[in-house]
């Protein structure tokens, strides 16, 4: 086995790990968006309360509220 082939393989594994983590992050953001949307549609909570409950910013909640249109 050539020692020079190990770093590229390890590097490829690092890229796969990073891609998986990024995919997990995107998945969590999609779920968070849906939770915020459901709270907007199904409650009379103020934007600041929804932001606190979901660990989002008020700006994010307001943008999602505008999407509801």
C-alpha atoms as a PDB file:
ATOM      1  CA  UNK A   1       0.000   0.000   0.000  1.00  0.00           C
ATOM      2  CA  UNK A   2       1.349   3.408  -0.936  1.00  0.00           C
ATOM      3  CA  UNK A   3       1.463   5.849   1.997  1.00  0.00           C
ATOM      4  CA  UNK A   4       0.711   8.715  -0.372  1.00  0.00           C
ATOM      5  CA  UNK A   5      -2.760   7.277  -1.016  1.00  0.00           C
ATOM      6  CA  UNK A   6      -3.851   7.599   2.634  1.00  0.00           C
ATOM      7  CA  UNK A   7      -4.254  11.382   2.930  1.00  0.00           C
ATOM      8  CA  UNK A   8      -6.616  11.645  -0.078  1.00  0.00           C
ATOM      9  CA  UNK A   9      -8.761   8.802   1.283  1.00  0.00           C
ATOM     10  CA  UNK A  10      -8.868  10.379   4.713  1.00  0.00           C
ATOM     11  CA  UNK A  11      -9.597  13.712   3.090  1.00  0.00           C
ATOM     12  CA  UNK A  12     -12.515  12.161   1.194  1.00  0.00           C
ATOM     13  CA  UNK A  13     -13.900  10.775   4.453  1.00  0.00           C
ATOM     14  CA  UNK A  14     -13.590  14.226   6.015  1.00  0.00           C
ATOM     15  CA  UNK A  15     -15.552  15.712   3.110  1.00  0.00           C
ATOM     16  CA  UNK A  16     -18.253  13.061   3.462  1.00  0.00           C
ATOM     17  CA  UNK A  17     -18.487  13.733   7.199  1.00  0.00           C
ATOM     18  CA  UNK A  18     -18.748  17.462   6.576  1.00  0.00           C
ATOM     19  CA  UNK A  19     -21.422  16.922   3.910  1.00  0.00           C
ATOM     20  CA  UNK A  20     -23.439  14.746   6.273  1.00  0.00           C
ATOM     21  CA  UNK A  21     -23.209  17.348   9.042  1.00  0.00           C
ATOM     22  CA  UNK A  22     -24.297  20.064   6.611  1.00  0.00           C
ATOM     23  CA  UNK A  23     -27.231  17.916   5.504  1.00  0.00           C
ATOM     24  CA  UNK A  24     -28.228  17.362   9.129  1.00  0.00           C
ATOM     25  CA  UNK A  25     -28.076  21.109   9.717  1.00  0.00           C
ATOM     26  CA  UNK A  26     -30.279  21.795   6.696  1.00  0.00           C
ATOM     27  CA  UNK A  27     -32.739  19.161   7.856  1.00  0.00           C
ATOM     28  CA  UNK A  28     -32.966  20.767  11.289  1.00  0.00           C
ATOM     29  CA  UNK A  29     -33.555  24.167   9.686  1.00  0.00           C
ATOM     30  CA  UNK A  30     -36.413  22.753   7.586  1.00  0.00           C
ATOM     31  CA  UNK A  31     -38.030  21.228  10.673  1.00  0.00           C
ATOM     32  CA  UNK A  32     -37.583  24.471  12.623  1.00  0.00           C
ATOM     33  CA  UNK A  33     -39.207  26.409   9.762  1.00  0.00           C
ATOM     34  CA  UNK A  34     -42.208  24.072   9.804  1.00  0.00           C
ATOM     35  CA  UNK A  35     -42.562  24.323  13.594  1.00  0.00           C
ATOM     36  CA  UNK A  36     -42.506  28.110  13.389  1.00  0.00           C
ATOM     37  CA  UNK A  37     -45.027  28.047  10.544  1.00  0.00           C
ATOM     38  CA  UNK A  38     -47.335  25.774  12.525  1.00  0.00           C
ATOM     39  CA  UNK A  39     -47.099  28.002  15.596  1.00  0.00           C
ATOM     40  CA  UNK A  40     -47.981  31.012  13.447  1.00  0.00           C
ATOM     41  CA  UNK A  41     -50.946  29.256  11.851  1.00  0.00           C
ATOM     42  CA  UNK A  42     -52.277  27.420  14.910  1.00  0.00           C
ATOM     43  CA  UNK A  43     -51.718  29.860  17.786  1.00  0.00           C
ATOM     44  CA  UNK A  44     -52.123  33.523  18.555  1.00  0.00           C
ATOM     45  CA  UNK A  45     -48.583  33.740  19.960  1.00  0.00           C
ATOM     46  CA  UNK A  46     -46.641  36.922  19.323  1.00  0.00           C
ATOM     47  CA  UNK A  47     -43.536  36.708  17.162  1.00  0.00           C
ATOM     48  CA  UNK A  48     -41.214  37.213  20.132  1.00  0.00           C
ATOM     49  CA  UNK A  49     -42.804  34.287  21.981  1.00  0.00           C
ATOM     50  CA  UNK A  50     -42.495  32.006  18.938  1.00  0.00           C
ATOM     51  CA  UNK A  51     -38.866  33.088  18.589  1.00  0.00           C
ATOM     52  CA  UNK A  52     -38.163  32.217  22.229  1.00  0.00           C
ATOM     53  CA  UNK A  53     -39.926  28.851  21.971  1.00  0.00           C
ATOM     54  CA  UNK A  54     -38.029  27.828  18.842  1.00  0.00           C
ATOM     55  CA  UNK A  55     -34.650  29.462  19.543  1.00  0.00           C
ATOM     56  CA  UNK A  56     -35.067  31.562  16.419  1.00  0.00           C
ATOM     57  CA  UNK A  57     -34.795  35.290  15.942  1.00  0.00           C
ATOM     58  CA  UNK A  58     -37.827  37.530  15.717  1.00  0.00           C
ATOM     59  CA  UNK A  59     -36.680  38.456  12.192  1.00  0.00           C
ATOM     60  CA  UNK A  60     -36.856  34.801  11.120  1.00  0.00           C
ATOM     61  CA  UNK A  61     -40.352  34.433  12.582  1.00  0.00           C
ATOM     62  CA  UNK A  62     -41.507  37.615  10.841  1.00  0.00           C
ATOM     63  CA  UNK A  63     -40.125  36.432   7.491  1.00  0.00           C
ATOM     64  CA  UNK A  64     -41.960  33.118   7.834  1.00  0.00           C
ATOM     65  CA  UNK A  65     -45.132  34.968   8.840  1.00  0.00           C
ATOM     66  CA  UNK A  66     -44.894  37.006   5.622  1.00  0.00           C
ATOM     67  CA  UNK A  67     -44.535  33.793   3.572  1.00  0.00           C
ATOM     68  CA  UNK A  68     -47.918  32.678   4.930  1.00  0.00           C
ATOM     69  CA  UNK A  69     -49.524  35.454   2.855  1.00  0.00           C
END
